[in-house]
Each structure stands twice: as structure tokens, then as C-alpha cells.
Amino acid sequence: MSGAGVDPAHAIVARRLTRRFGDLVAVDAVDLEVRRGELFGLLGPNGAGKTTLVRMLTGLVPATSGEAWVAGIDVRRDPDGARRVLGVVPQALTSDLDLTGHENLDIYARFFQVGRAERRPRIEELLRRVSLWDRRDDLVKTYSGGMRRRLEIARGLIHAPRVLFLDEPTIGLDPQSRRVIWDLLGELRRGSEITISLTTHYLDEAEALCDRVAIVDHGKVVALGTPQELKASVPGSDTLDLGLAAPPGDGSRAALAALPGVRDLELLPQGVRIRADGGAALLPRVIEALRAASVEVTSASLSRITLEDVFIHFTGRSLREEPAARGPGGPPRRGP
């Protein structure tokens, strides 16, 4: 069942999607569209509403109001149909430790009524894709954390979903295992048209993997765009550091401050720091203005804000400062 007016180019659509827990509005009239084949990131501190949003999109929590579609299927009217076309890899490791890797996938394939003729080659394909074919007959209790995570991604793909939801897929993994997961997600995208929704607390992960990112806070999407678009949306997102042979005079400082795009100017012991928009285009004009004022430039560098800076700009806090404060089965609790 497809929703009227839902663009088939979009794999996930939310319209005024809302969830209340008593007086708490966990998700507040969210509108969202995720394109087919996109790797879409959800960022936000604990208690922001992103987990509840994903639970509504996957049919695990009913919406109080609003509408949602996954792969063209109305999640509220046909939750079972939606579940058949989506895969979910939760944050918690839930594979059965007393079964082999192959047995774990086989059970899930049966849950989704994957026929035997299709099941066996599908399991082999996925275990090879996640580099676990040689360990297929070993008990999962002998797997490392990274191996279990790869197994659970394979499990989420066993029924060939059109949309895959990943909740913190690299949490607790060492850098090498994280990189393996990153490579695996990249391979998945190259090999199919699957759409991936990634919830993560690692901002470098979002920047490296995601086509677009939504920052969620207080139940609302407060920013949406590509990582570069989000950076560019913050005023003074570029920083120019210039080393000078002598301190600039009042006239040269006034000339710099008057340049289009300059947001702030700070004198340093050996130069000047300028926060500006469009720093790459501005830098030659800054150097020209200083030289016109007979101020010798000895060095120049340009740096851009990070995605964490963007996050702090829109939410006023750092992800690392947020405590994990989520009760099992209930609404997320806001930090103090």
C-alpha cells in the first residue's frame, strides 16, 4: 500500500510525525524525506527524540499523530508490510551466543519466510560479504565484538530489505573494527540500491559515511543537509590565521573588517585571526588588503569548522557531554 502523494524517489517519508509520552513530546511534528539509495545520518544527544523517531519509522512504537512511509508502505496502516521491506540492526548485540553464525542467519531467514532454495545461497553470500564465511560453523560466543557486529548486519540483510536502519553500529569497537564496518557499509551501497539510515554518536563517522545528516534536538529536526552544507550554514564557519611581520594598524584592521564575509577579527601575538564565510575566496583579498596597507604576511592558513562544531552551534552542547539516560522500553529521558 503506497501513500498518496509520496514520491517513489523517497525511501523514507515522515509527515508531521509526533509521539507523546504523557506530557512529554518525544518527537514533535517531524517532516523528513530520505532519498532512495541514500546513506542518511541521524545525530542528536540522548533524549533528543531520534531513537523514538526510528522506532516509529520501523513500526516498533505507534505514532501519536502524523504519517510515515518506508519504501512506499504506510507504516501506521501496514506495519507488518513495512517490516518485510526493512531491516533493523539494534545497538545491543542480540545474536544467540550458543548458535553458530550460520545458524543465527538461518533462523532469521526462516522468520522472514525466506525459502530454503533461496536461503542457503543468501546466507553464504552474506557471510562472505562480512568476511565470516570461514567462521560460519563456530559458536558466536567465540566471536569478537567486531565479528558479532558484522554478523548482525548480515542478519539485518537476510531478507533483502529495501531500507536498513542501523543504531550505533560501531559503538564500543576498536578503530580497526570501525573501519571494517565503514568499508562494509560502503560496499553495501555500491552493490545495491539499499537505503541506509544510520544513527550514530560518532561525528567523524557521520561525516565520512553520510550523504546527508539530520540533527535532532528536543523532538525536532533542527538542521538538515550534507555535512558540507551544514558547515557552511554556520556563520563564520571558516577561520583564517595570518602570521604578520608587524601588528596591523587601525587602518588595516578597519579594511579587513570591511571585507564582505568577515564576521570577526582577533589580534594574535604574531598576527591576526579572522572568522569568516567563504574563507577560500576571501583569503587572497585579505592578503591583498594587508599588503596594500604595507603589512607583510609571513604565513596564512585556512581551517573549517568540524561537524561537532556544527552540532554545538545547533544544540548548544557536545555529544560527549550527554549521559546515556534511556530506560528500557520507555521514552528517552532528557539529561539535566
Protein backbone atom coordinates (compact mmCIF):
# COMPACT_ATOMS: atom_id res chain seq x y z
CA MET A 1 0.00 0.00 0.00
CA SER A 2 1.58 3.22 -1.13
CA GLY A 3 0.79 6.62 0.33
CA ALA A 4 -0.91 9.15 -1.90
CA GLY A 5 1.49 11.87 -2.86
CA VAL A 6 4.58 10.01 -1.67
CA ASP A 7 7.38 10.46 -4.20
CA PRO A 8 8.70 6.99 -5.21
CA ALA A 9 12.19 8.51 -5.24
CA HIS A 10 11.99 8.71 -1.44
CA ALA A 11 12.58 5.57 0.64
CA ILE A 12 11.59 7.16 3.97
CA VAL A 13 8.96 9.85 4.42
CA ALA A 14 7.64 11.37 7.65
CA ARG A 15 4.93 14.00 7.72
CA ARG A 16 4.13 15.79 10.97
CA LEU A 17 5.20 12.63 12.78
CA THR A 18 4.61 13.04 16.51
CA ARG A 19 4.95 10.88 19.60
CA ARG A 20 3.88 11.86 23.10
CA PHE A 21 4.51 10.04 26.35
CA GLY A 22 2.09 11.73 28.72
CA ASP A 23 3.15 15.37 28.90
CA LEU A 24 6.48 14.67 27.19
CA VAL A 25 6.60 15.33 23.45
CA ALA A 26 9.41 12.99 22.38
CA VAL A 27 9.01 13.66 18.65
CA ASP A 28 7.39 16.92 17.64
CA ALA A 29 5.73 17.09 14.19
CA VAL A 30 8.80 15.92 12.24
CA ASP A 31 8.83 16.23 8.45
CA LEU A 32 11.54 14.18 6.77
CA GLU A 33 12.35 12.74 3.35
CA VAL A 34 15.20 10.33 2.67
CA ARG A 35 16.02 9.54 -0.94
CA ARG A 36 16.34 6.01 -2.28
CA GLY A 37 19.92 4.75 -2.16
CA GLU A 38 20.94 7.44 0.32
CA LEU A 39 23.02 6.87 3.44
CA PHE A 40 21.27 9.16 5.87
CA GLY A 41 22.60 10.07 9.31
CA LEU A 42 20.65 10.91 12.46
CA LEU A 43 22.55 12.83 15.13
CA GLY A 44 21.39 14.08 18.49
CA PRO A 45 22.03 13.75 22.21
CA ASN A 46 20.25 11.15 24.29
CA GLY A 47 16.73 12.37 24.92
CA ALA A 48 16.63 14.32 21.65
CA GLY A 49 13.97 12.07 20.15
CA LYS A 50 15.94 10.33 17.42
CA THR A 51 15.50 6.83 18.86
CA THR A 52 11.74 7.31 19.23
CA LEU A 53 11.66 8.63 15.66
CA VAL A 54 13.37 5.49 14.36
CA ARG A 55 11.07 3.28 16.42
CA MET A 56 8.06 4.89 14.81
CA LEU A 57 9.54 4.55 11.32
CA THR A 58 10.17 0.85 11.94
CA GLY A 59 6.74 0.21 13.45
CA LEU A 60 8.02 -0.60 16.93
CA VAL A 61 6.28 2.39 18.54
CA PRO A 62 2.94 3.74 17.28
CA ALA A 63 2.83 7.40 16.38
CA THR A 64 0.54 9.67 18.35
CA SER A 65 -0.18 11.56 15.14
CA GLY A 66 1.28 12.16 11.72
CA GLU A 67 2.19 9.78 8.91
CA ALA A 68 5.20 7.70 7.89
CA TRP A 69 6.11 5.61 4.88
CA VAL A 70 9.02 3.23 4.34
CA ALA A 71 9.65 2.06 0.77
CA GLY A 72 6.21 3.43 -0.13
CA ILE A 73 4.41 1.42 2.59
CA ASP A 74 2.32 3.24 5.20
CA VAL A 75 3.90 2.22 8.49
CA ARG A 76 0.82 3.08 10.59
CA ARG A 77 -1.68 1.24 8.37
CA ASP A 78 0.50 -1.70 7.37
CA PRO A 79 3.27 -2.19 9.97
CA ASP A 80 3.76 -5.85 9.03
CA GLY A 81 4.20 -4.94 5.38
CA ALA A 82 6.72 -2.27 6.33
CA ARG A 83 8.72 -4.72 8.44
CA ARG A 84 9.01 -7.06 5.47
CA VAL A 85 10.86 -4.41 3.44
CA LEU A 86 13.10 -3.00 6.17
CA GLY A 87 15.97 -4.38 8.21
CA VAL A 88 16.95 -3.28 11.70
CA VAL A 89 20.34 -3.66 13.37
CA PRO A 90 19.93 -2.55 17.01
CA GLN A 91 22.66 -1.08 19.16
CA ALA A 92 22.60 -4.05 21.55
CA LEU A 93 24.24 -7.25 20.32
CA THR A 94 21.37 -9.72 20.18
CA SER A 95 22.73 -12.68 18.22
CA ASP A 96 22.46 -16.03 20.01
CA LEU A 97 25.82 -16.86 21.56
CA ASP A 98 25.09 -20.60 21.72
CA LEU A 99 24.42 -20.90 18.00
CA THR A 100 26.85 -20.70 15.11
CA GLY A 101 26.98 -17.74 12.80
CA HIS A 102 25.28 -19.79 10.09
CA GLU A 103 22.52 -20.91 12.46
CA ASN A 104 21.82 -17.34 13.54
CA LEU A 105 21.25 -16.27 9.96
CA ASP A 106 19.25 -19.38 9.13
CA ILE A 107 16.79 -18.78 11.98
CA TYR A 108 16.22 -15.17 10.94
CA ALA A 109 15.76 -16.20 7.32
CA ARG A 110 13.03 -18.60 8.46
CA PHE A 111 11.39 -15.80 10.48
CA PHE A 112 11.09 -13.84 7.26
CA GLN A 113 9.89 -16.89 5.35
CA VAL A 114 12.88 -17.00 3.04
CA GLY A 115 12.53 -20.29 1.15
CA ARG A 116 15.17 -22.99 1.53
CA ALA A 117 16.35 -22.76 -2.07
CA GLU A 118 16.99 -19.04 -1.64
CA ARG A 119 18.10 -19.23 1.98
CA ARG A 120 21.28 -21.26 1.59
CA PRO A 121 22.94 -19.18 -1.16
CA ARG A 122 21.79 -15.97 0.53
CA ILE A 123 23.43 -16.95 3.82
CA GLU A 124 26.67 -17.85 2.07
CA GLU A 125 26.67 -14.60 0.11
CA LEU A 126 26.17 -12.50 3.26
CA LEU A 127 28.69 -14.39 5.38
CA ARG A 128 31.27 -13.97 2.63
CA ARG A 129 30.40 -10.29 2.30
CA VAL A 130 31.01 -9.69 6.03
CA SER A 131 34.16 -11.90 5.97
CA LEU A 132 32.71 -14.57 8.29
CA TRP A 133 32.32 -17.50 5.91
CA ASP A 134 35.37 -19.25 7.34
CA ARG A 135 33.87 -18.90 10.84
CA ARG A 136 30.32 -19.89 9.88
CA ASP A 137 30.32 -23.09 11.96
CA ASP A 138 31.87 -21.52 15.06
CA LEU A 139 29.71 -20.58 18.02
CA VAL A 140 29.04 -16.84 18.18
CA LYS A 141 30.36 -16.83 21.77
CA THR A 142 33.83 -17.24 20.22
CA TYR A 143 33.43 -14.15 18.02
CA SER A 144 34.99 -10.78 18.80
CA GLY A 145 32.79 -7.71 19.19
CA GLY A 146 33.56 -6.59 15.65
CA MET A 147 32.71 -10.03 14.25
CA ARG A 148 29.40 -10.07 16.11
CA ARG A 149 28.56 -6.64 14.76
CA ARG A 150 29.28 -7.78 11.20
CA LEU A 151 27.15 -10.88 11.77
CA GLU A 152 24.24 -8.75 12.94
CA ILE A 153 24.49 -6.51 9.90
CA ALA A 154 24.33 -9.66 7.77
CA ARG A 155 21.33 -10.79 9.79
CA GLY A 156 19.57 -7.49 9.14
CA LEU A 157 20.09 -8.05 5.41
CA ILE A 158 18.97 -11.68 5.28
CA HIS A 159 15.56 -10.91 3.74
CA ALA A 160 16.99 -8.41 1.21
CA PRO A 161 15.37 -5.30 2.74
CA ARG A 162 14.98 -2.10 0.76
CA VAL A 163 15.74 0.06 3.80
CA LEU A 164 18.23 -0.74 6.57
CA PHE A 165 18.17 1.01 9.95
CA LEU A 166 21.45 0.91 11.88
CA ASP A 167 21.60 2.07 15.50
CA GLU A 168 25.16 2.86 16.63
CA PRO A 169 26.73 0.07 14.54
CA THR A 170 30.31 0.79 15.65
CA ILE A 171 29.81 1.66 19.31
CA GLY A 172 32.42 0.03 21.54
CA LEU A 173 34.56 -1.16 18.64
CA ASP A 174 38.26 -0.52 18.22
CA PRO A 175 39.35 1.78 15.37
CA GLN A 176 40.28 -1.11 13.07
CA SER A 177 36.89 -2.80 13.53
CA ARG A 178 35.13 0.53 12.99
CA ARG A 179 36.95 0.94 9.70
CA VAL A 180 35.89 -2.56 8.63
CA ILE A 181 32.25 -1.66 9.29
CA TRP A 182 32.67 1.59 7.34
CA ASP A 183 34.08 -0.33 4.38
CA LEU A 184 31.24 -2.85 4.62
CA LEU A 185 28.60 -0.11 4.51
CA GLY A 186 30.31 1.43 1.50
CA GLU A 187 30.32 -1.94 -0.23
CA LEU A 188 26.63 -2.46 0.51
CA ARG A 189 25.78 0.82 -1.16
CA ARG A 190 27.85 0.04 -4.24
CA GLY A 191 26.31 -3.39 -4.61
CA SER A 192 22.62 -2.46 -4.36
CA GLU A 193 20.09 0.36 -4.18
CA ILE A 194 19.53 -0.16 -0.47
CA THR A 195 18.77 2.93 1.62
CA ILE A 196 20.58 3.14 4.96
CA SER A 197 19.52 5.17 7.98
CA LEU A 198 22.43 5.46 10.41
CA THR A 199 22.08 6.66 14.00
CA THR A 200 25.49 7.46 15.46
CA HIS A 201 27.23 9.43 18.19
CA TYR A 202 30.50 9.45 16.24
CA LEU A 203 30.60 12.69 14.30
CA ASP A 204 33.59 11.61 12.22
CA GLU A 205 31.55 8.56 11.22
CA ALA A 206 28.62 10.69 10.09
CA GLU A 207 30.94 12.95 8.13
CA ALA A 208 32.77 10.07 6.46
CA LEU A 209 29.74 7.98 5.54
CA CYS A 210 26.58 10.04 5.24
CA ASP A 211 25.24 11.77 2.16
CA ARG A 212 23.06 13.93 4.39
CA VAL A 213 22.66 14.39 8.11
CA ALA A 214 19.73 15.45 10.29
CA ILE A 215 20.45 16.90 13.72
CA VAL A 216 17.58 16.18 16.10
CA ASP A 217 17.03 18.03 19.38
CA HIS A 218 14.00 18.44 21.63
CA GLY A 219 11.99 16.24 19.29
CA LYS A 220 12.58 18.40 16.21
CA VAL A 221 14.91 18.33 13.22
CA VAL A 222 16.94 21.47 13.90
CA ALA A 223 19.32 21.12 10.93
CA LEU A 224 19.39 19.06 7.75
CA GLY A 225 21.83 18.83 4.85
CA THR A 226 25.07 17.39 3.65
CA PRO A 227 27.98 17.70 6.09
CA GLN A 228 29.42 20.47 3.95
CA GLU A 229 26.08 22.29 3.72
CA LEU A 230 25.69 22.13 7.49
CA LYS A 231 29.17 23.55 7.98
CA ALA A 232 28.50 26.34 5.51
CA SER A 233 25.25 27.21 7.28
CA VAL A 234 27.09 28.28 10.43
CA PRO A 235 28.09 31.97 10.31
CA GLY A 236 31.86 32.40 10.36
CA SER A 237 32.44 28.74 9.61
CA ASP A 238 35.94 29.38 8.21
CA THR A 239 38.96 30.57 10.19
CA LEU A 240 41.86 32.41 8.58
CA ASP A 241 45.07 32.60 10.60
CA LEU A 242 47.68 35.00 9.25
CA GLY A 243 51.16 35.48 10.57
CA LEU A 244 52.31 39.11 10.23
CA ALA A 245 55.74 40.73 10.38
CA ALA A 246 54.26 43.57 12.45
CA PRO A 247 50.92 44.20 14.19
CA PRO A 248 48.28 45.69 11.87
CA GLY A 249 47.36 49.33 12.45
CA ASP A 250 43.90 50.73 12.92
CA GLY A 251 43.51 51.43 9.21
CA SER A 252 44.41 47.91 8.09
CA ARG A 253 42.18 46.37 10.75
CA ALA A 254 39.29 48.53 9.55
CA ALA A 255 39.98 47.50 5.96
CA LEU A 256 39.90 43.80 6.91
CA ALA A 257 36.71 44.18 8.94
CA ALA A 258 35.01 45.84 5.97
CA LEU A 259 35.66 42.93 3.61
CA PRO A 260 32.48 41.01 2.66
CA GLY A 261 32.22 37.75 4.61
CA VAL A 262 34.34 38.80 7.60
CA ARG A 263 32.46 38.00 10.82
CA ASP A 264 35.06 38.57 13.49
CA LEU A 265 38.65 39.75 13.75
CA GLU A 266 41.00 38.85 16.61
CA LEU A 267 44.54 40.12 17.11
CA LEU A 268 47.11 37.47 17.98
CA PRO A 269 50.64 37.96 19.37
CA GLN A 270 52.15 37.29 15.95
CA GLY A 271 49.27 38.03 13.61
CA VAL A 272 45.52 38.09 13.19
CA ARG A 273 42.68 35.55 13.20
CA ILE A 274 39.61 36.13 11.07
CA ARG A 275 36.36 34.20 11.28
CA ALA A 276 34.52 34.46 8.01
CA ASP A 277 32.19 32.98 5.45
CA GLY A 278 33.70 31.71 2.21
CA GLY A 279 37.25 31.66 3.54
CA ALA A 280 38.86 30.16 0.43
CA ALA A 281 37.65 33.03 -1.76
CA LEU A 282 38.30 35.61 0.94
CA LEU A 283 41.92 34.69 1.72
CA PRO A 284 43.53 36.34 -1.37
CA ARG A 285 41.56 39.52 -0.71
CA VAL A 286 42.71 39.59 2.91
CA ILE A 287 46.34 39.23 1.86
CA GLU A 288 45.89 41.93 -0.79
CA ALA A 289 44.32 44.32 1.75
CA LEU A 290 47.18 43.80 4.20
CA ARG A 291 49.84 44.31 1.56
CA ALA A 292 48.08 47.47 0.38
CA ALA A 293 48.45 48.70 3.96
CA SER A 294 52.19 47.77 3.87
CA VAL A 295 51.67 44.87 6.32
CA GLU A 296 53.86 41.89 5.41
CA VAL A 297 52.11 38.49 5.57
CA THR A 298 54.55 35.78 6.70
CA SER A 299 52.12 32.84 6.78
CA ALA A 300 48.49 32.05 6.07
CA SER A 301 46.22 29.10 6.80
CA LEU A 302 42.55 28.28 6.33
CA SER A 303 40.57 25.86 8.52
CA ARG A 304 36.92 24.91 8.54
CA ILE A 305 34.71 24.04 11.47
CA THR A 306 34.04 20.39 12.23
CA LEU A 307 30.71 18.63 12.31
CA GLU A 308 30.98 18.70 16.10
CA ASP A 309 31.19 22.49 15.94
CA VAL A 310 28.03 22.45 13.83
CA PHE A 311 26.33 20.18 16.36
CA ILE A 312 27.20 22.51 19.22
CA HIS A 313 26.02 25.51 17.21
CA PHE A 314 22.56 24.00 16.71
CA THR A 315 22.10 22.25 20.07
CA GLY A 316 24.34 24.20 22.43
CA ARG A 317 26.07 21.11 23.72
CA SER A 318 28.55 18.42 22.73
CA LEU A 319 27.54 14.82 22.13
CA ARG A 320 30.23 13.67 24.54
CA GLU A 321 28.66 15.66 27.35
CA GLU A 322 25.34 13.85 27.13
CA PRO A 323 24.79 10.99 29.60
CA ALA A 324 23.23 7.78 28.38
CA ALA A 325 19.90 8.07 30.16
CA ARG A 326 17.45 5.81 28.42
CA GLY A 327 15.22 3.41 30.28
CA PRO A 328 14.36 0.06 28.70
CA GLY A 329 11.11 0.12 26.80
CA GLY A 330 10.16 3.64 27.83
CA PRO A 331 10.62 7.10 26.43
CA PRO A 332 14.11 8.56 26.36
CA ARG A 333 14.85 10.69 29.39
CA ARG A 334 16.36 14.11 28.98
CA GLY A 335 19.63 14.88 30.65
CA PRO A 336 19.76 17.70 33.22
